[in-house]
Amino acid sequence: MIKRTLYFGNPAYLNLSNAQLMVRLPEVEKNESLPESFKKEAIATIPIEDIGIVVLDHKQITITQALMEALLDNNVVLITCNSTHHPSGLMMPLSGNTIQSERFREQISASEPLKKQLWAQTIEQKIKNQKAHLQSRGIKHDFLIPLHKNVKSGDSENAEGIAAAYYWKALSPALLHNQNEFRREREGLPPNNYLNYGYSLLRATMARSIVSAGLLPTLGIFHKNRYNAYCLADDLMEPYRPLVDKVVCNILHEHEPQEDISKEIKTVLLKIPAMDVIIDDEKSPLMNATQRTAVSLVRCFTGEQRKLLYPEF
């Protein structure tokens, strides 16, 4: 079942009622000129079990503790946005699997050679997906072929960085409507903000799957930033990034990049968790694919398999 991504960008009261998320609009409730029948019809309810991600993007949203408890109990990710309407906070359940302590031990005891090999697989698939994305747009991509075929253990030769430099330069015409060269920077000029928004949704989706699989999102196989609570999500999302890039490029084919992301553009980006991807030769919603990736990592930690399962562009 595909879980829903809910976005709230206006003032709202969110509470729990009969195991459902209830949405009430204060602007409607406080409007004395509206009939009571209309006010009742304006109240919406959504079953908690249908929800995967909730995005809160307004300073006048009120959410109850009971609702947050119910959402976290059902492994729903809560994303809060800042004053620029970009995702800035992520709330996850502390427990998402019945044998979590066992999974934690397996994850913590994973050997360095195993983690280096898993990271090499991750970078290999990321570069392959970057190559496929360029190829799908008729952009020269041959430079990336030997890179993804020769990724060393732990990516000791930085194939990821070399591929990224080529990839973003080659993709510049698809990202910009002029001949300027695009610079991929987190705080850079548009359309970096579009990419950041999409990656934030991808990161939240991956973090949700990691917790559901019983793993610690903080303990990565490569990323080790002491201030990063989602190192493992940042690891496993890497091969998924070109899928987000594709969505952003498609948006920019129709629209000039802007400093502020319009609601129309956000609507497209918010569909990323539900977009179809190919994983293990099967079509699957991205949210389901991230779950399969996380479970494949568990099996690598337990020795049941040697290869991570990632989507192919």
C-alpha atoms as a PDB file:
ATOM      1  CA  MET A   1       0.000   0.000   0.000  1.00  0.00           C
ATOM      2  CA  ILE A   2       1.303   3.451  -0.956  1.00  0.00           C
ATOM      3  CA  LYS A   3       1.366   5.742   2.067  1.00  0.00           C
ATOM      4  CA  ARG A   4       0.111   9.306   1.589  1.00  0.00           C
ATOM      5  CA  THR A   5       2.223  12.442   1.869  1.00  0.00           C
ATOM      6  CA  LEU A   6       0.193  15.243   3.483  1.00  0.00           C
ATOM      7  CA  TYR A   7       1.194  18.896   3.086  1.00  0.00           C
ATOM      8  CA  PHE A   8      -0.247  21.685   5.240  1.00  0.00           C
ATOM      9  CA  GLY A   9       0.632  25.181   4.039  1.00  0.00           C
ATOM     10  CA  ASN A  10      -2.196  27.186   5.644  1.00  0.00           C
ATOM     11  CA  PRO A  11      -3.408  27.743   9.227  1.00  0.00           C
ATOM     12  CA  ALA A  12      -4.898  24.504  10.536  1.00  0.00           C
ATOM     13  CA  TYR A  13      -5.897  22.626  13.677  1.00  0.00           C
ATOM     14  CA  LEU A  14      -4.689  19.005  13.533  1.00  0.00           C
ATOM     15  CA  ASN A  15      -5.919  16.549  16.138  1.00  0.00           C
ATOM     16  CA  LEU A  16      -6.728  12.868  16.657  1.00  0.00           C
ATOM     17  CA  SER A  17     -10.286  11.592  16.455  1.00  0.00           C
ATOM     18  CA  ASN A  18     -11.281   7.904  16.260  1.00  0.00           C
ATOM     19  CA  ALA A  19      -7.793   6.859  15.066  1.00  0.00           C
ATOM     20  CA  GLN A  20      -7.926   9.447  12.287  1.00  0.00           C
ATOM     21  CA  LEU A  21      -6.155  12.706  11.643  1.00  0.00           C
ATOM     22  CA  MET A  22      -8.776  15.450  11.785  1.00  0.00           C
ATOM     23  CA  VAL A  23      -8.147  18.713   9.942  1.00  0.00           C
ATOM     24  CA  ARG A  24     -10.028  21.850  10.932  1.00  0.00           C
ATOM     25  CA  LEU A  25      -9.466  25.263   9.370  1.00  0.00           C
ATOM     26  CA  PRO A  26      -9.570  28.207  11.822  1.00  0.00           C
ATOM     27  CA  GLU A  27     -10.273  30.682   9.026  1.00  0.00           C
ATOM     28  CA  VAL A  28     -13.474  28.756   8.295  1.00  0.00           C
ATOM     29  CA  GLU A  29     -14.467  28.071  11.894  1.00  0.00           C
ATOM     30  CA  LYS A  30     -14.082  31.729  12.950  1.00  0.00           C
ATOM     31  CA  ASN A  31     -15.935  33.124   9.960  1.00  0.00           C
ATOM     32  CA  GLU A  32     -19.351  34.055  11.365  1.00  0.00           C
ATOM     33  CA  SER A  33     -20.807  34.675   7.910  1.00  0.00           C
ATOM     34  CA  LEU A  34     -20.527  30.998   6.945  1.00  0.00           C
ATOM     35  CA  PRO A  35     -23.359  28.555   7.759  1.00  0.00           C
ATOM     36  CA  GLU A  36     -22.705  25.800  10.311  1.00  0.00           C
ATOM     37  CA  SER A  37     -23.404  23.125   7.697  1.00  0.00           C
ATOM     38  CA  PHE A  38     -20.545  24.450   5.537  1.00  0.00           C
ATOM     39  CA  LYS A  39     -18.200  24.550   8.531  1.00  0.00           C
ATOM     40  CA  LYS A  40     -18.914  20.895   9.297  1.00  0.00           C
ATOM     41  CA  GLU A  41     -18.284  19.903   5.673  1.00  0.00           C
ATOM     42  CA  ALA A  42     -14.943  21.723   5.779  1.00  0.00           C
ATOM     43  CA  ILE A  43     -13.636  19.287   8.414  1.00  0.00           C
ATOM     44  CA  ALA A  44     -11.524  16.519   6.840  1.00  0.00           C
ATOM     45  CA  THR A  45     -10.411  13.200   8.326  1.00  0.00           C
ATOM     46  CA  ILE A  46      -7.649  10.849   7.120  1.00  0.00           C
ATOM     47  CA  PRO A  47      -6.979   7.357   8.551  1.00  0.00           C
ATOM     48  CA  ILE A  48      -3.619   7.310  10.355  1.00  0.00           C
ATOM     49  CA  GLU A  49      -2.639   3.998   8.736  1.00  0.00           C
ATOM     50  CA  ASP A  50      -2.847   5.615   5.272  1.00  0.00           C
ATOM     51  CA  ILE A  51      -0.215   8.284   6.092  1.00  0.00           C
ATOM     52  CA  GLY A  52       3.539   8.064   5.524  1.00  0.00           C
ATOM     53  CA  ILE A  53       4.757  11.664   5.685  1.00  0.00           C
ATOM     54  CA  VAL A  54       3.264  14.872   7.103  1.00  0.00           C
ATOM     55  CA  VAL A  55       4.758  18.239   6.082  1.00  0.00           C
ATOM     56  CA  LEU A  56       3.960  21.248   8.315  1.00  0.00           C
ATOM     57  CA  ASP A  57       4.637  24.505   6.473  1.00  0.00           C
ATOM     58  CA  HIS A  58       2.872  27.317   8.323  1.00  0.00           C
ATOM     59  CA  LYS A  59       3.502  29.050  11.658  1.00  0.00           C
ATOM     60  CA  GLN A  60      -0.193  28.940  12.569  1.00  0.00           C
ATOM     61  CA  ILE A  61      -0.566  25.173  12.534  1.00  0.00           C
ATOM     62  CA  THR A  62      -1.629  23.604  15.837  1.00  0.00           C
ATOM     63  CA  ILE A  63      -1.021  19.864  16.288  1.00  0.00           C
ATOM     64  CA  THR A  64      -1.981  17.916  19.406  1.00  0.00           C
ATOM     65  CA  GLN A  65       0.280  15.613  21.420  1.00  0.00           C
ATOM     66  CA  ALA A  66      -2.211  12.762  20.990  1.00  0.00           C
ATOM     67  CA  LEU A  67      -1.998  13.084  17.212  1.00  0.00           C
ATOM     68  CA  MET A  68       1.809  13.183  17.219  1.00  0.00           C
ATOM     69  CA  GLU A  69       1.853  10.056  19.388  1.00  0.00           C
ATOM     70  CA  ALA A  70      -0.482   8.238  16.984  1.00  0.00           C
ATOM     71  CA  LEU A  71       1.535   9.311  13.945  1.00  0.00           C
ATOM     72  CA  LEU A  72       4.837   8.175  15.465  1.00  0.00           C
ATOM     73  CA  ASP A  73       3.281   4.896  16.622  1.00  0.00           C
ATOM     74  CA  ASN A  74       2.439   4.263  12.958  1.00  0.00           C
ATOM     75  CA  ASN A  75       5.958   5.175  11.763  1.00  0.00           C
ATOM     76  CA  VAL A  76       4.817   8.426  10.151  1.00  0.00           C
ATOM     77  CA  VAL A  77       7.505  11.044   9.500  1.00  0.00           C
ATOM     78  CA  LEU A  78       6.778  14.615  10.646  1.00  0.00           C
ATOM     79  CA  ILE A  79       8.609  17.328   8.675  1.00  0.00           C
ATOM     80  CA  THR A  80       8.571  20.954   9.790  1.00  0.00           C
ATOM     81  CA  CYS A  81       9.477  23.841   7.497  1.00  0.00           C
ATOM     82  CA  ASN A  82      11.234  27.119   8.332  1.00  0.00           C
ATOM     83  CA  SER A  83      10.284  30.722   7.490  1.00  0.00           C
ATOM     84  CA  THR A  84      11.542  30.238   3.921  1.00  0.00           C
ATOM     85  CA  HIS A  85       9.193  27.236   3.530  1.00  0.00           C
ATOM     86  CA  HIS A  86      12.033  24.725   3.242  1.00  0.00           C
ATOM     87  CA  PRO A  87      12.127  21.509   5.334  1.00  0.00           C
ATOM     88  CA  SER A  88      14.178  22.154   8.475  1.00  0.00           C
ATOM     89  CA  GLY A  89      13.130  19.543  11.045  1.00  0.00           C
ATOM     90  CA  LEU A  90      12.413  15.817  11.071  1.00  0.00           C
ATOM     91  CA  MET A  91      10.638  13.816  13.797  1.00  0.00           C
ATOM     92  CA  MET A  92      10.891  10.020  13.793  1.00  0.00           C
ATOM     93  CA  PRO A  93       9.744   7.243  16.165  1.00  0.00           C
ATOM     94  CA  LEU A  94      12.415   5.885  18.526  1.00  0.00           C
ATOM     95  CA  SER A  95      11.204   2.339  17.990  1.00  0.00           C
ATOM     96  CA  GLY A  96      10.073   1.008  14.635  1.00  0.00           C
ATOM     97  CA  ASN A  97      10.707  -2.739  14.732  1.00  0.00           C
ATOM     98  CA  THR A  98       9.879  -5.564  17.161  1.00  0.00           C
ATOM     99  CA  ILE A  99      13.442  -6.961  17.162  1.00  0.00           C
ATOM    100  CA  GLN A 100      15.131  -3.590  17.110  1.00  0.00           C
ATOM    101  CA  SER A 101      17.794  -4.332  19.749  1.00  0.00           C
ATOM    102  CA  GLU A 102      18.951  -7.369  17.774  1.00  0.00           C
ATOM    103  CA  ARG A 103      19.177  -5.307  14.588  1.00  0.00           C
ATOM    104  CA  PHE A 104      21.102  -2.600  16.469  1.00  0.00           C
ATOM    105  CA  ARG A 105      23.697  -5.129  17.619  1.00  0.00           C
ATOM    106  CA  GLU A 106      24.170  -6.459  14.084  1.00  0.00           C
ATOM    107  CA  GLN A 107      24.522  -2.940  12.716  1.00  0.00           C
ATOM    108  CA  ILE A 108      26.996  -1.832  15.383  1.00  0.00           C
ATOM    109  CA  SER A 109      29.145  -4.965  14.996  1.00  0.00           C
ATOM    110  CA  ALA A 110      29.402  -4.701  11.196  1.00  0.00           C
ATOM    111  CA  SER A 111      33.058  -4.863  10.124  1.00  0.00           C
ATOM    112  CA  GLU A 112      34.854  -2.002   8.385  1.00  0.00           C
ATOM    113  CA  PRO A 113      35.633  -4.128   5.266  1.00  0.00           C
ATOM    114  CA  LEU A 114      31.904  -4.912   4.950  1.00  0.00           C
ATOM    115  CA  LYS A 115      30.907  -1.255   5.300  1.00  0.00           C
ATOM    116  CA  LYS A 116      33.533  -0.209   2.740  1.00  0.00           C
ATOM    117  CA  GLN A 117      32.218  -2.780   0.278  1.00  0.00           C
ATOM    118  CA  LEU A 118      28.630  -1.653   0.836  1.00  0.00           C
ATOM    119  CA  TRP A 119      29.661   1.951   0.256  1.00  0.00           C
ATOM    120  CA  ALA A 120      31.387   0.964  -2.995  1.00  0.00           C
ATOM    121  CA  GLN A 121      28.148  -0.700  -4.148  1.00  0.00           C
ATOM    122  CA  THR A 122      26.241   2.452  -3.211  1.00  0.00           C
ATOM    123  CA  ILE A 123      28.512   4.755  -5.213  1.00  0.00           C
ATOM    124  CA  GLU A 124      28.598   2.372  -8.165  1.00  0.00           C
ATOM    125  CA  GLN A 125      24.801   2.440  -8.410  1.00  0.00           C
ATOM    126  CA  LYS A 126      24.656   6.202  -7.891  1.00  0.00           C
ATOM    127  CA  ILE A 127      27.034   6.813 -10.799  1.00  0.00           C
ATOM    128  CA  LYS A 128      25.174   4.281 -12.966  1.00  0.00           C
ATOM    129  CA  ASN A 129      21.940   6.160 -12.289  1.00  0.00           C
ATOM    130  CA  GLN A 130      23.605   9.500 -13.044  1.00  0.00           C
ATOM    131  CA  LYS A 131      24.835   8.046 -16.337  1.00  0.00           C
ATOM    132  CA  ALA A 132      21.360   6.731 -17.169  1.00  0.00           C
ATOM    133  CA  HIS A 133      19.793  10.110 -16.380  1.00  0.00           C
ATOM    134  CA  LEU A 134      22.166  11.906 -18.734  1.00  0.00           C
ATOM    135  CA  GLN A 135      21.587   9.255 -21.380  1.00  0.00           C
ATOM    136  CA  SER A 136      17.800   9.670 -21.091  1.00  0.00           C
ATOM    137  CA  ARG A 137      18.229  13.364 -21.911  1.00  0.00           C
ATOM    138  CA  GLY A 138      20.512  12.750 -24.869  1.00  0.00           C
ATOM    139  CA  ILE A 139      23.533  14.141 -22.991  1.00  0.00           C
ATOM    140  CA  LYS A 140      27.001  12.678 -23.470  1.00  0.00           C
ATOM    141  CA  HIS A 141      27.646  10.231 -20.644  1.00  0.00           C
ATOM    142  CA  ASP A 142      30.533   7.960 -21.726  1.00  0.00           C
ATOM    143  CA  PHE A 143      32.899   9.519 -19.163  1.00  0.00           C
ATOM    144  CA  LEU A 144      30.881   7.963 -16.331  1.00  0.00           C
ATOM    145  CA  ILE A 145      31.017   4.362 -17.617  1.00  0.00           C
ATOM    146  CA  PRO A 146      34.582   3.501 -16.495  1.00  0.00           C
ATOM    147  CA  LEU A 147      33.957   5.337 -13.225  1.00  0.00           C
ATOM    148  CA  HIS A 148      31.033   3.198 -12.104  1.00  0.00           C
ATOM    149  CA  LYS A 149      32.768   0.031 -13.336  1.00  0.00           C
ATOM    150  CA  ASN A 150      35.899   0.669 -11.271  1.00  0.00           C
ATOM    151  CA  VAL A 151      34.707   1.922  -7.886  1.00  0.00           C
ATOM    152  CA  LYS A 152      37.173   0.705  -5.266  1.00  0.00           C
ATOM    153  CA  SER A 153      36.371  -0.506  -1.747  1.00  0.00           C
ATOM    154  CA  GLY A 154      35.221   2.475   0.311  1.00  0.00           C
ATOM    155  CA  ASP A 155      35.443   4.571  -2.875  1.00  0.00           C
ATOM    156  CA  SER A 156      39.085   5.201  -2.004  1.00  0.00           C
ATOM    157  CA  GLU A 157      39.707   7.004  -5.319  1.00  0.00           C
ATOM    158  CA  ASN A 158      36.722   9.370  -4.916  1.00  0.00           C
ATOM    159  CA  ALA A 159      34.833   8.224  -7.981  1.00  0.00           C
ATOM    160  CA  GLU A 160      31.742   9.858  -6.492  1.00  0.00           C
ATOM    161  CA  GLY A 161      33.314  13.329  -6.481  1.00  0.00           C
ATOM    162  CA  ILE A 162      34.795  12.967  -9.965  1.00  0.00           C
ATOM    163  CA  ALA A 163      31.452  11.765 -11.338  1.00  0.00           C
ATOM    164  CA  ALA A 164      29.552  14.592  -9.605  1.00  0.00           C
ATOM    165  CA  ALA A 165      31.747  17.283 -11.166  1.00  0.00           C
ATOM    166  CA  TYR A 166      31.092  15.883 -14.649  1.00  0.00           C
ATOM    167  CA  TYR A 167      27.415  15.140 -14.026  1.00  0.00           C
ATOM    168  CA  TRP A 168      26.383  18.604 -12.841  1.00  0.00           C
ATOM    169  CA  LYS A 169      28.305  20.352 -15.598  1.00  0.00           C
ATOM    170  CA  ALA A 170      26.726  18.103 -18.228  1.00  0.00           C
ATOM    171  CA  LEU A 171      23.271  18.608 -16.728  1.00  0.00           C
ATOM    172  CA  SER A 172      23.545  22.406 -16.638  1.00  0.00           C
ATOM    173  CA  PRO A 173      21.501  23.030 -19.839  1.00  0.00           C
ATOM    174  CA  ALA A 174      18.623  20.974 -18.420  1.00  0.00           C
ATOM    175  CA  LEU A 175      18.700  22.857 -15.105  1.00  0.00           C
ATOM    176  CA  LEU A 176      19.227  26.392 -16.421  1.00  0.00           C
ATOM    177  CA  HIS A 177      17.481  28.108 -19.322  1.00  0.00           C
ATOM    178  CA  ASN A 178      20.696  29.836 -20.351  1.00  0.00           C
ATOM    179  CA  GLN A 179      24.285  28.810 -21.033  1.00  0.00           C
ATOM    180  CA  ASN A 180      25.572  29.399 -17.499  1.00  0.00           C
ATOM    181  CA  GLU A 181      27.165  26.455 -15.737  1.00  0.00           C
ATOM    182  CA  PHE A 182      25.155  25.106 -12.807  1.00  0.00           C
ATOM    183  CA  ARG A 183      26.928  24.856  -9.449  1.00  0.00           C
ATOM    184  CA  ARG A 184      25.465  22.303  -7.056  1.00  0.00           C
ATOM    185  CA  GLU A 185      25.628  23.987  -3.651  1.00  0.00           C
ATOM    186  CA  ARG A 186      23.288  23.530  -0.708  1.00  0.00           C
ATOM    187  CA  GLU A 187      23.000  27.292  -0.209  1.00  0.00           C
ATOM    188  CA  GLY A 188      23.472  28.091  -3.892  1.00  0.00           C
ATOM    189  CA  LEU A 189      21.261  29.872  -6.383  1.00  0.00           C
ATOM    190  CA  PRO A 190      18.085  28.307  -7.816  1.00  0.00           C
ATOM    191  CA  PRO A 191      17.388  25.600  -8.782  1.00  0.00           C
ATOM    192  CA  ASN A 192      19.457  24.377  -5.813  1.00  0.00           C
ATOM    193  CA  ASN A 193      16.403  25.106  -3.658  1.00  0.00           C
ATOM    194  CA  TYR A 194      14.269  22.760  -5.790  1.00  0.00           C
ATOM    195  CA  LEU A 195      16.863  19.993  -5.411  1.00  0.00           C
ATOM    196  CA  ASN A 196      17.162  20.617  -1.666  1.00  0.00           C
ATOM    197  CA  TYR A 197      13.405  20.318  -1.225  1.00  0.00           C
ATOM    198  CA  GLY A 198      13.267  17.082  -3.183  1.00  0.00           C
ATOM    199  CA  TYR A 199      16.264  15.614  -1.366  1.00  0.00           C
ATOM    200  CA  SER A 200      14.704  16.500   2.004  1.00  0.00           C
ATOM    201  CA  LEU A 201      11.608  14.483   1.123  1.00  0.00           C
ATOM    202  CA  LEU A 202      13.801  11.627  -0.103  1.00  0.00           C
ATOM    203  CA  ARG A 203      15.852  11.735   3.105  1.00  0.00           C
ATOM    204  CA  ALA A 204      12.728  11.604   5.266  1.00  0.00           C
ATOM    205  CA  THR A 205      11.368   8.690   3.243  1.00  0.00           C
ATOM    206  CA  MET A 206      14.631   6.774   3.586  1.00  0.00           C
ATOM    207  CA  ALA A 207      14.892   7.530   7.317  1.00  0.00           C
ATOM    208  CA  ARG A 208      11.368   6.183   7.801  1.00  0.00           C
ATOM    209  CA  SER A 209      12.308   2.942   6.030  1.00  0.00           C
ATOM    210  CA  ILE A 210      15.511   2.574   8.061  1.00  0.00           C
ATOM    211  CA  VAL A 211      13.637   2.885  11.362  1.00  0.00           C
ATOM    212  CA  SER A 212      10.951   0.484  10.122  1.00  0.00           C
ATOM    213  CA  ALA A 213      13.693  -2.058   9.327  1.00  0.00           C
ATOM    214  CA  GLY A 214      14.959  -1.787  12.914  1.00  0.00           C
ATOM    215  CA  LEU A 215      18.206   0.059  12.180  1.00  0.00           C
ATOM    216  CA  LEU A 216      19.758   3.155  13.715  1.00  0.00           C
ATOM    217  CA  PRO A 217      19.513   6.056  11.227  1.00  0.00           C
ATOM    218  CA  THR A 218      22.353   7.809  13.091  1.00  0.00           C
ATOM    219  CA  LEU A 219      24.964   5.090  12.455  1.00  0.00           C
ATOM    220  CA  GLY A 220      26.061   5.265   8.818  1.00  0.00           C
ATOM    221  CA  ILE A 221      28.181   2.960   6.684  1.00  0.00           C
ATOM    222  CA  PHE A 222      30.144   5.966   5.361  1.00  0.00           C
ATOM    223  CA  HIS A 223      28.825   9.272   6.694  1.00  0.00           C
ATOM    224  CA  LYS A 224      30.075   9.900  10.229  1.00  0.00           C
ATOM    225  CA  ASN A 225      29.285  13.529  11.045  1.00  0.00           C
ATOM    226  CA  ARG A 226      28.868  13.725  14.826  1.00  0.00           C
ATOM    227  CA  TYR A 227      26.159  16.383  14.417  1.00  0.00           C
ATOM    228  CA  ASN A 228      24.128  14.398  11.864  1.00  0.00           C
ATOM    229  CA  ALA A 229      21.314  12.238  13.269  1.00  0.00           C
ATOM    230  CA  TYR A 230      20.593  10.666   9.869  1.00  0.00           C
ATOM    231  CA  CYS A 231      23.957   9.473   8.580  1.00  0.00           C
ATOM    232  CA  LEU A 232      22.596   6.131   7.374  1.00  0.00           C
ATOM    233  CA  ALA A 233      19.733   7.825   5.511  1.00  0.00           C
ATOM    234  CA  ASP A 234      22.284  10.060   3.790  1.00  0.00           C
ATOM    235  CA  ASP A 235      24.226   6.931   2.797  1.00  0.00           C
ATOM    236  CA  LEU A 236      21.373   4.894   1.383  1.00  0.00           C
ATOM    237  CA  MET A 237      19.647   7.751  -0.447  1.00  0.00           C
ATOM    238  CA  GLU A 238      22.639   8.427  -2.712  1.00  0.00           C
ATOM    239  CA  PRO A 239      21.569   6.169  -5.637  1.00  0.00           C
ATOM    240  CA  TYR A 240      18.062   7.676  -5.401  1.00  0.00           C
ATOM    241  CA  ARG A 241      19.252  11.244  -5.925  1.00  0.00           C
ATOM    242  CA  PRO A 242      19.257  11.093  -9.760  1.00  0.00           C
ATOM    243  CA  LEU A 243      15.558  10.189  -9.574  1.00  0.00           C
ATOM    244  CA  VAL A 244      14.917  13.479  -7.776  1.00  0.00           C
ATOM    245  CA  ASP A 245      17.154  15.254 -10.289  1.00  0.00           C
ATOM    246  CA  LYS A 246      14.918  13.902 -13.052  1.00  0.00           C
ATOM    247  CA  VAL A 247      11.796  15.369 -11.413  1.00  0.00           C
ATOM    248  CA  VAL A 248      13.479  18.765 -10.989  1.00  0.00           C
ATOM    249  CA  CYS A 249      14.734  18.791 -14.589  1.00  0.00           C
ATOM    250  CA  ASN A 250      11.229  17.996 -15.822  1.00  0.00           C
ATOM    251  CA  ILE A 251       9.872  20.914 -13.777  1.00  0.00           C
ATOM    252  CA  LEU A 252      12.510  23.260 -15.177  1.00  0.00           C
ATOM    253  CA  HIS A 253      11.663  22.210 -18.711  1.00  0.00           C
ATOM    254  CA  GLU A 254       8.361  24.045 -18.182  1.00  0.00           C
ATOM    255  CA  HIS A 255       9.302  26.742 -15.638  1.00  0.00           C
ATOM    256  CA  GLU A 256      12.130  29.178 -14.961  1.00  0.00           C
ATOM    257  CA  PRO A 257      13.861  28.523 -11.612  1.00  0.00           C
ATOM    258  CA  GLN A 258      12.648  30.882  -8.875  1.00  0.00           C
ATOM    259  CA  GLU A 259      13.846  31.860  -5.394  1.00  0.00           C
ATOM    260  CA  ASP A 260      10.462  30.921  -3.917  1.00  0.00           C
ATOM    261  CA  ILE A 261       9.042  27.499  -4.666  1.00  0.00           C
ATOM    262  CA  SER A 262       5.422  27.934  -5.730  1.00  0.00           C
ATOM    263  CA  LYS A 263       2.635  25.692  -4.474  1.00  0.00           C
ATOM    264  CA  GLU A 264       2.346  24.306  -7.997  1.00  0.00           C
ATOM    265  CA  ILE A 265       5.996  23.184  -7.920  1.00  0.00           C
ATOM    266  CA  LYS A 266       5.701  21.851  -4.360  1.00  0.00           C
ATOM    267  CA  THR A 267       2.746  19.738  -5.444  1.00  0.00           C
ATOM    268  CA  VAL A 268       4.987  18.029  -7.992  1.00  0.00           C
ATOM    269  CA  LEU A 269       7.893  17.594  -5.566  1.00  0.00           C
ATOM    270  CA  LEU A 270       5.630  16.179  -2.846  1.00  0.00           C
ATOM    271  CA  LYS A 271       4.799  13.288  -5.170  1.00  0.00           C
ATOM    272  CA  ILE A 272       8.414  12.043  -5.045  1.00  0.00           C
ATOM    273  CA  PRO A 273       7.753   9.396  -2.322  1.00  0.00           C
ATOM    274  CA  ALA A 274       5.006   7.903  -4.511  1.00  0.00           C
ATOM    275  CA  MET A 275       6.814   8.079  -7.861  1.00  0.00           C
ATOM    276  CA  ASP A 276       7.427   4.798  -9.687  1.00  0.00           C
ATOM    277  CA  VAL A 277      10.975   3.406  -9.759  1.00  0.00           C
ATOM    278  CA  ILE A 278      12.495   0.161 -11.015  1.00  0.00           C
ATOM    279  CA  ILE A 279      14.061  -2.016  -8.323  1.00  0.00           C
ATOM    280  CA  ASP A 280      15.013  -5.688  -8.753  1.00  0.00           C
ATOM    281  CA  ASP A 281      13.442  -5.534 -12.247  1.00  0.00           C
ATOM    282  CA  GLU A 282      10.066  -4.558 -10.786  1.00  0.00           C
ATOM    283  CA  LYS A 283       8.152  -1.283 -10.825  1.00  0.00           C
ATOM    284  CA  SER A 284       7.556   0.004  -7.315  1.00  0.00           C
ATOM    285  CA  PRO A 285       6.637   3.283  -5.564  1.00  0.00           C
ATOM    286  CA  LEU A 286       9.793   4.975  -4.268  1.00  0.00           C
ATOM    287  CA  MET A 287       8.585   4.699  -0.660  1.00  0.00           C
ATOM    288  CA  ASN A 288       8.340   0.911  -1.050  1.00  0.00           C
ATOM    289  CA  ALA A 289      11.725   0.783  -2.797  1.00  0.00           C
ATOM    290  CA  THR A 290      13.439   2.525   0.132  1.00  0.00           C
ATOM    291  CA  GLN A 291      11.974  -0.123   2.428  1.00  0.00           C
ATOM    292  CA  ARG A 292      13.467  -2.869   0.269  1.00  0.00           C
ATOM    293  CA  THR A 293      16.831  -1.099   0.317  1.00  0.00           C
ATOM    294  CA  ALA A 294      16.780  -0.859   4.113  1.00  0.00           C
ATOM    295  CA  VAL A 295      15.798  -4.525   4.506  1.00  0.00           C
ATOM    296  CA  SER A 296      18.573  -5.556   2.101  1.00  0.00           C
ATOM    297  CA  LEU A 297      21.062  -3.727   4.347  1.00  0.00           C
ATOM    298  CA  VAL A 298      19.795  -5.697   7.350  1.00  0.00           C
ATOM    299  CA  ARG A 299      20.432  -8.911   5.415  1.00  0.00           C
ATOM    300  CA  CYS A 300      23.931  -7.750   4.518  1.00  0.00           C
ATOM    301  CA  PHE A 301      24.629  -7.120   8.196  1.00  0.00           C
ATOM    302  CA  THR A 302      23.358 -10.612   9.131  1.00  0.00           C
ATOM    303  CA  GLY A 303      25.314 -12.291   6.325  1.00  0.00           C
ATOM    304  CA  GLU A 304      22.198 -13.475   4.476  1.00  0.00           C
ATOM    305  CA  GLN A 305      23.236 -11.603   1.326  1.00  0.00           C
ATOM    306  CA  ARG A 306      26.177  -9.628  -0.008  1.00  0.00           C
ATOM    307  CA  LYS A 307      24.563  -7.019  -2.224  1.00  0.00           C
ATOM    308  CA  LEU A 308      22.415  -4.000  -1.419  1.00  0.00           C
ATOM    309  CA  LEU A 309      19.203  -3.607  -3.368  1.00  0.00           C
ATOM    310  CA  TYR A 310      18.990  -0.234  -5.105  1.00  0.00           C
ATOM    311  CA  PRO A 311      16.763   1.215  -7.846  1.00  0.00           C
ATOM    312  CA  GLU A 312      17.915   1.435 -11.440  1.00  0.00           C
ATOM    313  CA  PHE A 313      17.191   4.611 -13.338  1.00  0.00           C
END
